[in-house]
Amino acid sequence: MKRLTIFLAVFLCVGFVQVGRAGDDEAQDLVSRLQKKYDDMNDLSVDFVQTVHFAVTQSEQTFHGKLLMKKGNKYRVDLEQETIVTDGVSLWNFNKTTNQVFIDTYHESPKSFSPQRILSNLPGNYAATDLGKEKMGETEVSVVKLMPKSSSANVKWIKAWIDPDKLEMKKIELQDISENLWSYTVSDTRMNTNIADSRFHFDVPSGVEVIDMR
């Protein structure tokens, strides 16, 4: 969940971070246009593939997932073995492997995930550098690298690949302090599609063990 939170943070906020290469008018223009796009966001839907390469075992795992977000601290993440949902009041974490759902109160604390908090805090925690252009299929994308300003950060670096024409995130990579490499490839992004509030409430399936910590 920690790495997924970082993914959400970078997806939303790479456009709000000050680009480190002075005098790069193209990068500054991209940042400005991204900021305007996400300022106008009411809800967001993203399909992605998460790949994790573990440094110690040299093994790799891949998962498909879907992210829904809406203003008001509402989000839903559906993974193959886990579903995480909050309506801004309660938080559900359903583990399909153990057939358990943990329910807790959504806490607005400094360490909790909040789209609004991330939007305002990430620029102060990371410094960004424009790494130029790369080809992803037939699309030329801009690449930005984020470096944490704090030595106690959970990640060493983050890279984001952005389509400058559609203003869409195409890929995110990060390396954590254990040298594990986390990669998120985005296949579909939709904004302001009027996602129903009911999508941010979790209906517990029959037969699932409920652990209510509220």
N, C-alpha and C. Protein backbone atom coordinates (compact mmCIF):
# COMPACT_ATOMS: atom_id res chain seq x y z
N MET A 1 0.83 -1.21 0.00
CA MET A 1 0.00 0.00 0.00
C MET A 1 0.86 1.26 0.00
N LYS A 2 2.01 1.20 0.67
CA LYS A 2 2.88 2.36 0.74
C LYS A 2 3.35 2.77 -0.64
N ARG A 3 3.81 1.79 -1.46
CA ARG A 3 4.30 2.11 -2.80
C ARG A 3 3.15 2.59 -3.69
N LEU A 4 1.95 2.01 -3.46
CA LEU A 4 0.79 2.42 -4.25
C LEU A 4 0.45 3.88 -3.94
N THR A 5 0.58 4.28 -2.67
CA THR A 5 0.34 5.66 -2.30
C THR A 5 1.30 6.58 -3.04
N ILE A 6 2.57 6.17 -3.15
CA ILE A 6 3.55 6.96 -3.88
C ILE A 6 3.14 7.08 -5.34
N PHE A 7 2.67 5.98 -5.91
CA PHE A 7 2.20 6.00 -7.30
C PHE A 7 1.10 7.03 -7.47
N LEU A 8 0.12 7.03 -6.57
CA LEU A 8 -0.98 7.98 -6.66
C LEU A 8 -0.45 9.41 -6.53
N ALA A 9 0.49 9.60 -5.61
CA ALA A 9 1.05 10.92 -5.40
C ALA A 9 1.73 11.45 -6.64
N VAL A 10 2.57 10.62 -7.24
CA VAL A 10 3.30 11.06 -8.42
C VAL A 10 2.35 11.26 -9.59
N PHE A 11 1.37 10.36 -9.73
CA PHE A 11 0.42 10.48 -10.83
C PHE A 11 -0.29 11.83 -10.78
N LEU A 12 -0.68 12.21 -9.59
CA LEU A 12 -1.43 13.45 -9.46
C LEU A 12 -0.56 14.70 -9.50
N CYS A 13 0.65 14.59 -8.98
CA CYS A 13 1.35 15.80 -8.60
C CYS A 13 2.63 16.11 -9.35
N VAL A 14 3.04 15.28 -10.29
CA VAL A 14 4.28 15.59 -10.99
C VAL A 14 4.18 16.95 -11.67
N GLY A 15 2.99 17.35 -12.03
CA GLY A 15 2.83 18.65 -12.68
C GLY A 15 2.90 19.83 -11.73
N PHE A 16 2.95 19.55 -10.42
CA PHE A 16 2.97 20.64 -9.44
C PHE A 16 4.38 20.86 -8.87
N VAL A 17 5.36 20.07 -9.34
CA VAL A 17 6.70 20.14 -8.77
C VAL A 17 7.55 21.08 -9.61
N GLN A 18 8.36 21.88 -8.96
CA GLN A 18 9.21 22.81 -9.68
C GLN A 18 10.30 22.06 -10.43
N VAL A 19 10.36 22.23 -11.75
CA VAL A 19 11.38 21.55 -12.55
C VAL A 19 12.73 22.17 -12.29
N GLY A 20 13.74 21.30 -12.08
CA GLY A 20 15.03 21.75 -11.61
C GLY A 20 15.94 22.36 -12.65
N ARG A 21 15.76 22.10 -13.92
CA ARG A 21 16.68 22.60 -14.94
C ARG A 21 16.27 24.01 -15.35
N ALA A 22 17.07 24.99 -14.94
CA ALA A 22 16.73 26.38 -15.18
C ALA A 22 16.73 26.69 -16.67
N GLY A 23 15.81 27.54 -17.08
CA GLY A 23 15.78 28.00 -18.46
C GLY A 23 15.15 27.03 -19.43
N ASP A 24 14.58 25.93 -18.98
CA ASP A 24 13.96 24.95 -19.87
C ASP A 24 12.51 25.36 -20.06
N ASP A 25 12.26 26.17 -21.08
CA ASP A 25 10.91 26.72 -21.30
C ASP A 25 9.90 25.63 -21.61
N GLU A 26 10.33 24.59 -22.35
CA GLU A 26 9.41 23.51 -22.72
C GLU A 26 8.94 22.75 -21.49
N ALA A 27 9.86 22.45 -20.56
CA ALA A 27 9.49 21.75 -19.34
C ALA A 27 8.59 22.60 -18.47
N GLN A 28 8.89 23.89 -18.37
CA GLN A 28 8.06 24.77 -17.56
C GLN A 28 6.65 24.88 -18.13
N ASP A 29 6.55 24.88 -19.46
CA ASP A 29 5.23 24.94 -20.10
C ASP A 29 4.45 23.67 -19.82
N LEU A 30 5.13 22.49 -19.85
CA LEU A 30 4.48 21.22 -19.54
C LEU A 30 3.95 21.22 -18.11
N VAL A 31 4.76 21.72 -17.18
CA VAL A 31 4.35 21.79 -15.77
C VAL A 31 3.11 22.66 -15.62
N SER A 32 3.11 23.81 -16.30
CA SER A 32 1.98 24.74 -16.19
C SER A 32 0.70 24.11 -16.73
N ARG A 33 0.80 23.41 -17.87
CA ARG A 33 -0.39 22.80 -18.48
C ARG A 33 -0.91 21.63 -17.64
N LEU A 34 0.01 20.85 -17.07
CA LEU A 34 -0.41 19.75 -16.19
C LEU A 34 -1.15 20.29 -14.97
N GLN A 35 -0.62 21.37 -14.41
CA GLN A 35 -1.24 21.94 -13.21
C GLN A 35 -2.66 22.38 -13.50
N LYS A 36 -2.86 23.04 -14.63
CA LYS A 36 -4.20 23.49 -14.98
C LYS A 36 -5.15 22.31 -15.15
N LYS A 37 -4.67 21.23 -15.79
CA LYS A 37 -5.53 20.06 -16.02
C LYS A 37 -5.98 19.46 -14.69
N TYR A 38 -5.07 19.28 -13.74
CA TYR A 38 -5.44 18.64 -12.49
C TYR A 38 -6.16 19.58 -11.54
N ASP A 39 -5.99 20.90 -11.74
CA ASP A 39 -6.81 21.86 -10.98
C ASP A 39 -8.29 21.66 -11.31
N ASP A 40 -8.57 21.29 -12.56
CA ASP A 40 -9.95 21.14 -13.01
C ASP A 40 -10.52 19.74 -12.77
N MET A 41 -9.76 18.87 -12.13
CA MET A 41 -10.18 17.48 -11.93
C MET A 41 -11.18 17.35 -10.80
N ASN A 42 -12.31 16.70 -11.07
CA ASN A 42 -13.27 16.35 -10.02
C ASN A 42 -13.18 14.86 -9.69
N ASP A 43 -12.99 14.03 -10.73
CA ASP A 43 -12.79 12.60 -10.50
C ASP A 43 -11.83 12.04 -11.54
N LEU A 44 -11.31 10.86 -11.26
CA LEU A 44 -10.25 10.27 -12.07
C LEU A 44 -10.37 8.76 -12.09
N SER A 45 -10.17 8.16 -13.26
CA SER A 45 -10.15 6.70 -13.40
C SER A 45 -8.88 6.31 -14.15
N VAL A 46 -8.13 5.33 -13.60
CA VAL A 46 -6.86 4.92 -14.20
C VAL A 46 -6.76 3.40 -14.17
N ASP A 47 -6.43 2.79 -15.30
CA ASP A 47 -6.06 1.37 -15.36
C ASP A 47 -4.54 1.30 -15.41
N PHE A 48 -3.94 0.37 -14.65
CA PHE A 48 -2.49 0.30 -14.63
C PHE A 48 -2.01 -1.13 -14.40
N VAL A 49 -0.75 -1.36 -14.74
CA VAL A 49 -0.07 -2.62 -14.45
C VAL A 49 1.10 -2.31 -13.53
N GLN A 50 1.15 -2.99 -12.39
CA GLN A 50 2.22 -2.81 -11.43
C GLN A 50 3.20 -3.98 -11.54
N THR A 51 4.47 -3.68 -11.73
CA THR A 51 5.52 -4.70 -11.77
C THR A 51 6.55 -4.37 -10.70
N VAL A 52 6.88 -5.35 -9.87
CA VAL A 52 7.85 -5.16 -8.80
C VAL A 52 9.02 -6.11 -9.01
N HIS A 53 10.23 -5.56 -9.06
CA HIS A 53 11.45 -6.37 -9.14
C HIS A 53 12.14 -6.30 -7.79
N PHE A 54 12.21 -7.44 -7.09
CA PHE A 54 12.79 -7.48 -5.74
C PHE A 54 14.30 -7.69 -5.83
N ALA A 55 15.05 -6.79 -5.21
CA ALA A 55 16.50 -6.79 -5.34
C ALA A 55 17.16 -8.01 -4.71
N VAL A 56 16.70 -8.43 -3.54
CA VAL A 56 17.35 -9.52 -2.81
C VAL A 56 17.15 -10.86 -3.50
N THR A 57 15.92 -11.16 -3.89
CA THR A 57 15.62 -12.46 -4.49
C THR A 57 15.75 -12.46 -6.00
N GLN A 58 15.89 -11.26 -6.60
CA GLN A 58 15.95 -11.13 -8.05
C GLN A 58 14.71 -11.75 -8.72
N SER A 59 13.58 -11.66 -8.01
CA SER A 59 12.31 -12.16 -8.54
C SER A 59 11.43 -10.99 -8.95
N GLU A 60 10.36 -11.29 -9.67
CA GLU A 60 9.49 -10.24 -10.19
C GLU A 60 8.04 -10.65 -10.08
N GLN A 61 7.18 -9.69 -9.73
CA GLN A 61 5.74 -9.92 -9.65
C GLN A 61 5.03 -8.83 -10.45
N THR A 62 3.94 -9.23 -11.12
CA THR A 62 3.16 -8.29 -11.91
C THR A 62 1.68 -8.40 -11.54
N PHE A 63 1.03 -7.24 -11.35
CA PHE A 63 -0.38 -7.19 -11.01
C PHE A 63 -1.07 -6.15 -11.87
N HIS A 64 -2.33 -6.42 -12.21
CA HIS A 64 -3.16 -5.45 -12.89
C HIS A 64 -4.04 -4.75 -11.86
N GLY A 65 -4.31 -3.47 -12.07
CA GLY A 65 -5.11 -2.74 -11.11
C GLY A 65 -5.89 -1.61 -11.74
N LYS A 66 -6.85 -1.09 -10.98
CA LYS A 66 -7.67 0.05 -11.41
C LYS A 66 -7.80 1.02 -10.23
N LEU A 67 -7.62 2.29 -10.51
CA LEU A 67 -7.73 3.34 -9.51
C LEU A 67 -8.89 4.26 -9.86
N LEU A 68 -9.75 4.54 -8.87
CA LEU A 68 -10.78 5.56 -8.99
C LEU A 68 -10.55 6.59 -7.89
N MET A 69 -10.68 7.86 -8.23
CA MET A 69 -10.54 8.92 -7.23
C MET A 69 -11.60 9.97 -7.46
N LYS A 70 -11.98 10.65 -6.36
CA LYS A 70 -12.95 11.73 -6.45
C LYS A 70 -12.67 12.72 -5.34
N LYS A 71 -12.89 13.99 -5.60
CA LYS A 71 -12.67 15.00 -4.58
C LYS A 71 -13.53 14.69 -3.35
N GLY A 72 -12.98 15.03 -2.19
CA GLY A 72 -13.64 14.69 -0.94
C GLY A 72 -12.97 13.50 -0.27
N ASN A 73 -11.69 13.24 -0.62
CA ASN A 73 -10.93 12.14 -0.04
C ASN A 73 -11.56 10.78 -0.33
N LYS A 74 -12.10 10.63 -1.52
CA LYS A 74 -12.69 9.35 -1.94
C LYS A 74 -11.74 8.67 -2.93
N TYR A 75 -11.42 7.41 -2.67
CA TYR A 75 -10.64 6.66 -3.65
C TYR A 75 -10.92 5.17 -3.52
N ARG A 76 -10.66 4.46 -4.61
CA ARG A 76 -10.84 3.02 -4.65
C ARG A 76 -9.73 2.42 -5.52
N VAL A 77 -9.06 1.40 -4.98
CA VAL A 77 -8.01 0.71 -5.71
C VAL A 77 -8.38 -0.77 -5.76
N ASP A 78 -8.57 -1.28 -6.96
CA ASP A 78 -8.88 -2.69 -7.16
C ASP A 78 -7.66 -3.39 -7.75
N LEU A 79 -7.06 -4.29 -6.96
CA LEU A 79 -5.96 -5.13 -7.41
C LEU A 79 -6.45 -6.56 -7.50
N GLU A 80 -5.61 -7.44 -8.03
CA GLU A 80 -6.04 -8.82 -8.21
C GLU A 80 -6.33 -9.52 -6.89
N GLN A 81 -5.58 -9.19 -5.85
CA GLN A 81 -5.75 -9.85 -4.56
C GLN A 81 -6.19 -8.91 -3.44
N GLU A 82 -6.46 -7.66 -3.76
CA GLU A 82 -6.77 -6.69 -2.71
C GLU A 82 -7.63 -5.57 -3.25
N THR A 83 -8.55 -5.09 -2.42
CA THR A 83 -9.36 -3.91 -2.75
C THR A 83 -9.30 -2.95 -1.57
N ILE A 84 -9.00 -1.69 -1.86
CA ILE A 84 -8.90 -0.65 -0.83
C ILE A 84 -9.87 0.46 -1.21
N VAL A 85 -10.77 0.81 -0.29
CA VAL A 85 -11.84 1.77 -0.60
C VAL A 85 -12.01 2.73 0.57
N THR A 86 -12.22 4.01 0.28
CA THR A 86 -12.64 4.95 1.31
C THR A 86 -13.62 5.95 0.73
N ASP A 87 -14.60 6.32 1.54
CA ASP A 87 -15.56 7.36 1.16
C ASP A 87 -15.25 8.66 1.88
N GLY A 88 -14.06 8.72 2.50
CA GLY A 88 -13.68 9.89 3.28
C GLY A 88 -14.12 9.81 4.72
N VAL A 89 -14.91 8.79 5.07
CA VAL A 89 -15.37 8.57 6.45
C VAL A 89 -14.84 7.23 6.97
N SER A 90 -15.10 6.16 6.22
CA SER A 90 -14.62 4.83 6.58
C SER A 90 -13.61 4.34 5.54
N LEU A 91 -12.76 3.42 5.98
CA LEU A 91 -11.74 2.84 5.10
C LEU A 91 -11.86 1.32 5.14
N TRP A 92 -12.03 0.70 3.96
CA TRP A 92 -12.14 -0.75 3.86
C TRP A 92 -10.89 -1.30 3.16
N ASN A 93 -10.33 -2.37 3.71
CA ASN A 93 -9.20 -3.05 3.08
C ASN A 93 -9.54 -4.54 3.01
N PHE A 94 -9.89 -5.00 1.80
CA PHE A 94 -10.33 -6.37 1.59
C PHE A 94 -9.20 -7.19 0.98
N ASN A 95 -8.76 -8.21 1.72
CA ASN A 95 -7.72 -9.12 1.26
C ASN A 95 -8.38 -10.40 0.76
N LYS A 96 -8.30 -10.63 -0.55
CA LYS A 96 -8.98 -11.78 -1.14
C LYS A 96 -8.29 -13.09 -0.79
N THR A 97 -7.00 -13.03 -0.48
CA THR A 97 -6.25 -14.24 -0.14
C THR A 97 -6.68 -14.80 1.21
N THR A 98 -6.83 -13.90 2.20
CA THR A 98 -7.22 -14.33 3.55
C THR A 98 -8.74 -14.30 3.74
N ASN A 99 -9.47 -13.74 2.76
CA ASN A 99 -10.93 -13.61 2.83
C ASN A 99 -11.35 -12.80 4.06
N GLN A 100 -10.60 -11.70 4.29
CA GLN A 100 -10.88 -10.81 5.42
C GLN A 100 -11.00 -9.38 4.91
N VAL A 101 -11.86 -8.61 5.58
CA VAL A 101 -11.94 -7.18 5.30
C VAL A 101 -11.75 -6.42 6.61
N PHE A 102 -10.78 -5.53 6.62
CA PHE A 102 -10.54 -4.67 7.77
C PHE A 102 -11.24 -3.34 7.52
N ILE A 103 -12.02 -2.88 8.51
CA ILE A 103 -12.73 -1.62 8.40
C ILE A 103 -12.23 -0.68 9.49
N ASP A 104 -11.87 0.52 9.10
CA ASP A 104 -11.37 1.50 10.06
C ASP A 104 -11.94 2.87 9.71
N THR A 105 -11.82 3.80 10.63
CA THR A 105 -12.21 5.17 10.36
C THR A 105 -11.14 5.83 9.52
N TYR A 106 -11.57 6.57 8.51
CA TYR A 106 -10.59 7.31 7.72
C TYR A 106 -10.03 8.44 8.57
N HIS A 107 -8.72 8.43 8.76
CA HIS A 107 -8.07 9.42 9.62
C HIS A 107 -7.37 10.47 8.78
N GLU A 108 -7.67 11.71 9.02
CA GLU A 108 -7.00 12.82 8.35
C GLU A 108 -5.78 13.19 9.17
N SER A 109 -4.74 12.35 9.05
CA SER A 109 -3.51 12.56 9.81
C SER A 109 -2.37 12.86 8.86
N PRO A 110 -1.22 13.34 9.36
CA PRO A 110 -0.09 13.67 8.48
C PRO A 110 0.39 12.50 7.65
N LYS A 111 0.17 11.26 8.11
CA LYS A 111 0.66 10.09 7.39
C LYS A 111 -0.40 9.42 6.53
N SER A 112 -1.64 9.90 6.61
CA SER A 112 -2.71 9.27 5.85
C SER A 112 -2.68 9.72 4.40
N PHE A 113 -3.27 8.89 3.53
CA PHE A 113 -3.34 9.27 2.12
C PHE A 113 -4.52 10.20 1.91
N SER A 114 -4.25 11.35 1.33
CA SER A 114 -5.30 12.30 0.99
C SER A 114 -4.91 12.98 -0.32
N PRO A 115 -5.74 12.88 -1.35
CA PRO A 115 -5.40 13.57 -2.60
C PRO A 115 -5.13 15.05 -2.41
N GLN A 116 -5.94 15.70 -1.57
CA GLN A 116 -5.73 17.13 -1.36
C GLN A 116 -4.40 17.40 -0.67
N ARG A 117 -4.04 16.57 0.32
CA ARG A 117 -2.77 16.76 1.03
C ARG A 117 -1.59 16.53 0.11
N ILE A 118 -1.67 15.47 -0.69
CA ILE A 118 -0.57 15.18 -1.60
C ILE A 118 -0.38 16.32 -2.59
N LEU A 119 -1.47 16.88 -3.07
CA LEU A 119 -1.37 17.96 -4.04
C LEU A 119 -0.59 19.15 -3.47
N SER A 120 -0.71 19.38 -2.18
CA SER A 120 -0.04 20.53 -1.59
C SER A 120 1.33 20.19 -1.01
N ASN A 121 1.56 18.92 -0.63
CA ASN A 121 2.79 18.57 0.07
C ASN A 121 3.91 18.06 -0.82
N LEU A 122 3.58 17.37 -1.91
CA LEU A 122 4.64 16.76 -2.70
C LEU A 122 5.65 17.77 -3.24
N PRO A 123 5.23 18.95 -3.72
CA PRO A 123 6.21 19.89 -4.23
C PRO A 123 7.28 20.27 -3.21
N GLY A 124 6.93 20.28 -1.92
CA GLY A 124 7.91 20.61 -0.90
C GLY A 124 8.81 19.46 -0.52
N ASN A 125 8.45 18.23 -0.90
CA ASN A 125 9.21 17.06 -0.49
C ASN A 125 10.12 16.50 -1.57
N TYR A 126 9.90 16.88 -2.83
CA TYR A 126 10.68 16.35 -3.95
C TYR A 126 11.16 17.48 -4.86
N ALA A 127 12.33 17.28 -5.43
CA ALA A 127 12.86 18.19 -6.44
C ALA A 127 12.86 17.47 -7.78
N ALA A 128 12.42 18.14 -8.83
CA ALA A 128 12.26 17.51 -10.14
C ALA A 128 13.28 18.01 -11.14
N THR A 129 13.68 17.12 -12.05
CA THR A 129 14.60 17.45 -13.13
C THR A 129 14.04 16.91 -14.44
N ASP A 130 14.10 17.71 -15.48
CA ASP A 130 13.66 17.28 -16.81
C ASP A 130 14.75 16.41 -17.43
N LEU A 131 14.41 15.17 -17.82
CA LEU A 131 15.37 14.25 -18.42
C LEU A 131 15.24 14.17 -19.94
N GLY A 132 14.41 15.02 -20.53
CA GLY A 132 14.30 15.05 -21.98
C GLY A 132 13.17 14.18 -22.50
N LYS A 133 13.31 13.69 -23.74
CA LYS A 133 12.25 12.96 -24.43
C LYS A 133 12.64 11.49 -24.61
N GLU A 134 11.60 10.64 -24.68
CA GLU A 134 11.77 9.23 -25.01
C GLU A 134 10.60 8.78 -25.88
N LYS A 135 10.79 7.69 -26.59
CA LYS A 135 9.73 7.10 -27.39
C LYS A 135 9.07 5.97 -26.62
N MET A 136 7.73 6.01 -26.52
CA MET A 136 6.95 4.91 -25.98
C MET A 136 5.98 4.48 -27.08
N GLY A 137 6.34 3.41 -27.79
CA GLY A 137 5.56 3.03 -28.96
C GLY A 137 5.71 4.10 -30.03
N GLU A 138 4.58 4.66 -30.47
CA GLU A 138 4.61 5.71 -31.47
C GLU A 138 4.57 7.11 -30.86
N THR A 139 4.52 7.17 -29.52
CA THR A 139 4.37 8.45 -28.83
C THR A 139 5.69 8.93 -28.25
N GLU A 140 6.00 10.19 -28.46
CA GLU A 140 7.17 10.81 -27.83
C GLU A 140 6.72 11.43 -26.52
N VAL A 141 7.34 11.01 -25.43
CA VAL A 141 6.93 11.46 -24.10
C VAL A 141 8.06 12.23 -23.43
N SER A 142 7.69 13.06 -22.47
CA SER A 142 8.66 13.78 -21.65
C SER A 142 8.93 12.98 -20.39
N VAL A 143 10.17 12.99 -19.93
CA VAL A 143 10.57 12.22 -18.75
C VAL A 143 11.02 13.18 -17.65
N VAL A 144 10.48 13.00 -16.46
CA VAL A 144 10.81 13.82 -15.30
C VAL A 144 11.30 12.92 -14.18
N LYS A 145 12.38 13.31 -13.52
CA LYS A 145 12.90 12.55 -12.39
C LYS A 145 12.70 13.34 -11.11
N LEU A 146 12.16 12.68 -10.08
CA LEU A 146 11.91 13.30 -8.78
C LEU A 146 12.87 12.72 -7.75
N MET A 147 13.55 13.60 -7.03
CA MET A 147 14.47 13.18 -5.98
C MET A 147 13.97 13.71 -4.63
N PRO A 148 13.87 12.83 -3.61
CA PRO A 148 13.39 13.31 -2.30
C PRO A 148 14.39 14.25 -1.66
N LYS A 149 13.88 15.26 -1.02
CA LYS A 149 14.74 16.23 -0.34
C LYS A 149 15.18 15.72 1.03
N SER A 150 14.40 14.80 1.61
CA SER A 150 14.72 14.28 2.94
C SER A 150 15.50 12.98 2.84
N SER A 151 16.51 12.82 3.69
CA SER A 151 17.31 11.59 3.72
C SER A 151 16.53 10.43 4.34
N SER A 152 15.40 10.71 4.98
CA SER A 152 14.60 9.66 5.61
C SER A 152 13.44 9.20 4.73
N ALA A 153 13.42 9.62 3.48
CA ALA A 153 12.34 9.25 2.57
C ALA A 153 12.36 7.75 2.29
N ASN A 154 11.20 7.19 1.93
CA ASN A 154 11.08 5.76 1.66
C ASN A 154 11.54 5.38 0.27
N VAL A 155 11.80 6.37 -0.58
CA VAL A 155 12.23 6.08 -1.95
C VAL A 155 13.53 6.82 -2.24
N LYS A 156 14.31 6.26 -3.18
CA LYS A 156 15.55 6.90 -3.60
C LYS A 156 15.31 7.86 -4.76
N TRP A 157 14.43 7.46 -5.67
CA TRP A 157 14.10 8.33 -6.80
C TRP A 157 12.79 7.86 -7.42
N ILE A 158 12.18 8.75 -8.19
CA ILE A 158 10.96 8.45 -8.93
C ILE A 158 11.11 9.04 -10.32
N LYS A 159 10.70 8.31 -11.34
CA LYS A 159 10.69 8.83 -12.71
C LYS A 159 9.27 8.74 -13.26
N ALA A 160 8.87 9.74 -14.02
CA ALA A 160 7.54 9.77 -14.61
C ALA A 160 7.65 10.07 -16.09
N TRP A 161 6.91 9.31 -16.91
CA TRP A 161 6.84 9.49 -18.35
C TRP A 161 5.49 10.13 -18.69
N ILE A 162 5.48 11.28 -19.35
CA ILE A 162 4.27 12.06 -19.56
C ILE A 162 4.08 12.35 -21.04
N ASP A 163 2.87 12.10 -21.54
CA ASP A 163 2.51 12.49 -22.90
C ASP A 163 2.25 14.00 -22.89
N PRO A 164 3.11 14.81 -23.51
CA PRO A 164 2.95 16.26 -23.42
C PRO A 164 1.78 16.81 -24.23
N ASP A 165 1.28 16.02 -25.19
CA ASP A 165 0.16 16.48 -26.01
C ASP A 165 -1.18 16.22 -25.31
N LYS A 166 -1.35 14.98 -24.82
CA LYS A 166 -2.59 14.62 -24.14
C LYS A 166 -2.55 14.97 -22.65
N LEU A 167 -1.35 15.35 -22.15
CA LEU A 167 -1.16 15.64 -20.73
C LEU A 167 -1.61 14.46 -19.88
N GLU A 168 -1.10 13.28 -20.22
CA GLU A 168 -1.43 12.06 -19.50
C GLU A 168 -0.15 11.37 -19.04
N MET A 169 -0.19 10.81 -17.82
CA MET A 169 0.90 10.01 -17.31
C MET A 169 0.86 8.65 -17.99
N LYS A 170 2.00 8.21 -18.53
CA LYS A 170 2.05 6.94 -19.23
C LYS A 170 2.78 5.86 -18.42
N LYS A 171 3.73 6.26 -17.59
CA LYS A 171 4.51 5.29 -16.84
C LYS A 171 5.16 5.98 -15.64
N ILE A 172 5.31 5.21 -14.55
CA ILE A 172 5.99 5.70 -13.35
C ILE A 172 6.90 4.60 -12.84
N GLU A 173 8.13 4.94 -12.48
CA GLU A 173 9.05 4.00 -11.84
C GLU A 173 9.59 4.63 -10.57
N LEU A 174 9.84 3.79 -9.57
CA LEU A 174 10.50 4.27 -8.37
C LEU A 174 11.38 3.16 -7.79
N GLN A 175 12.45 3.58 -7.14
CA GLN A 175 13.32 2.65 -6.43
C GLN A 175 13.25 2.97 -4.96
N ASP A 176 12.94 1.95 -4.13
CA ASP A 176 12.83 2.19 -2.70
C ASP A 176 14.19 2.03 -2.03
N ILE A 177 14.21 2.23 -0.72
CA ILE A 177 15.48 2.21 0.01
C ILE A 177 16.07 0.81 0.11
N SER A 178 15.29 -0.22 -0.25
CA SER A 178 15.80 -1.59 -0.27
C SER A 178 16.25 -2.00 -1.67
N GLU A 179 16.31 -1.03 -2.59
CA GLU A 179 16.75 -1.26 -3.97
C GLU A 179 15.72 -1.99 -4.81
N ASN A 180 14.50 -2.18 -4.31
CA ASN A 180 13.45 -2.78 -5.12
C ASN A 180 12.97 -1.76 -6.15
N LEU A 181 12.64 -2.24 -7.34
CA LEU A 181 12.18 -1.36 -8.40
C LEU A 181 10.69 -1.59 -8.65
N TRP A 182 9.92 -0.52 -8.52
CA TRP A 182 8.47 -0.56 -8.70
C TRP A 182 8.11 0.19 -9.97
N SER A 183 7.36 -0.45 -10.86
CA SER A 183 7.00 0.15 -12.13
C SER A 183 5.49 0.11 -12.33
N TYR A 184 4.91 1.23 -12.77
CA TYR A 184 3.48 1.33 -13.03
C TYR A 184 3.27 1.84 -14.45
N THR A 185 2.66 1.02 -15.29
CA THR A 185 2.37 1.42 -16.66
C THR A 185 0.87 1.68 -16.78
N VAL A 186 0.52 2.87 -17.22
CA VAL A 186 -0.88 3.29 -17.30
C VAL A 186 -1.41 3.01 -18.70
N SER A 187 -2.56 2.32 -18.77
CA SER A 187 -3.14 1.97 -20.07
C SER A 187 -4.37 2.80 -20.42
N ASP A 188 -5.01 3.40 -19.43
CA ASP A 188 -6.22 4.17 -19.72
C ASP A 188 -6.42 5.19 -18.61
N THR A 189 -6.62 6.45 -18.99
CA THR A 189 -6.86 7.53 -18.03
C THR A 189 -8.10 8.30 -18.44
N ARG A 190 -9.03 8.46 -17.51
CA ARG A 190 -10.24 9.23 -17.79
C ARG A 190 -10.51 10.18 -16.63
N MET A 191 -10.83 11.43 -16.98
CA MET A 191 -11.09 12.44 -15.96
C MET A 191 -12.50 12.98 -16.11
N ASN A 192 -13.10 13.32 -14.95
CA ASN A 192 -14.40 13.99 -14.90
C ASN A 192 -15.48 13.23 -15.67
N THR A 193 -15.65 11.96 -15.29
CA THR A 193 -16.68 11.12 -15.91
C THR A 193 -17.87 10.92 -14.97
N ASN A 194 -17.95 11.73 -13.92
CA ASN A 194 -19.06 11.66 -12.96
C ASN A 194 -19.17 10.28 -12.31
N ILE A 195 -18.07 9.83 -11.72
CA ILE A 195 -18.06 8.55 -11.01
C ILE A 195 -19.03 8.63 -9.84
N ALA A 196 -19.90 7.64 -9.72
CA ALA A 196 -20.92 7.63 -8.66
C ALA A 196 -20.28 7.48 -7.29
N ASP A 197 -20.83 8.16 -6.28
CA ASP A 197 -20.32 8.06 -4.92
C ASP A 197 -20.40 6.62 -4.39
N SER A 198 -21.34 5.84 -4.91
CA SER A 198 -21.50 4.46 -4.44
C SER A 198 -20.26 3.60 -4.72
N ARG A 199 -19.41 4.02 -5.69
CA ARG A 199 -18.19 3.28 -5.99
C ARG A 199 -17.18 3.39 -4.87
N PHE A 200 -17.40 4.34 -3.96
CA PHE A 200 -16.45 4.56 -2.87
C PHE A 200 -16.99 4.04 -1.54
N HIS A 201 -17.93 3.13 -1.64
CA HIS A 201 -18.42 2.37 -0.48
C HIS A 201 -18.24 0.90 -0.78
N PHE A 202 -17.75 0.15 0.20
CA PHE A 202 -17.48 -1.27 -0.03
C PHE A 202 -18.56 -2.12 0.60
N ASP A 203 -19.25 -2.91 -0.21
CA ASP A 203 -20.24 -3.86 0.26
C ASP A 203 -19.55 -5.20 0.51
N VAL A 204 -19.50 -5.63 1.76
CA VAL A 204 -18.77 -6.84 2.14
C VAL A 204 -19.45 -8.07 1.55
N PRO A 205 -18.74 -8.88 0.78
CA PRO A 205 -19.33 -10.09 0.20
C PRO A 205 -19.72 -11.10 1.28
N SER A 206 -20.68 -11.93 0.99
CA SER A 206 -21.11 -12.97 1.92
C SER A 206 -19.98 -13.95 2.19
N GLY A 207 -19.81 -14.30 3.47
CA GLY A 207 -18.79 -15.28 3.84
C GLY A 207 -17.43 -14.69 4.16
N VAL A 208 -17.28 -13.37 4.01
CA VAL A 208 -16.01 -12.72 4.30
C VAL A 208 -15.94 -12.34 5.78
N GLU A 209 -14.81 -12.62 6.43
CA GLU A 209 -14.63 -12.25 7.83
C GLU A 209 -14.42 -10.75 7.94
N VAL A 210 -15.21 -10.10 8.82
CA VAL A 210 -15.14 -8.66 9.00
C VAL A 210 -14.41 -8.35 10.30
N ILE A 211 -13.37 -7.53 10.21
CA ILE A 211 -12.62 -7.06 11.39
C ILE A 211 -12.82 -5.54 11.45
N ASP A 212 -13.76 -5.12 12.30
CA ASP A 212 -14.15 -3.71 12.38
C ASP A 212 -13.39 -3.03 13.51
N MET A 213 -12.54 -2.10 13.16
CA MET A 213 -11.69 -1.41 14.15
C MET A 213 -12.14 0.03 14.39
N ARG A 214 -13.36 0.36 13.95
CA ARG A 214 -13.86 1.73 14.17
C ARG A 214 -14.29 1.93 15.62
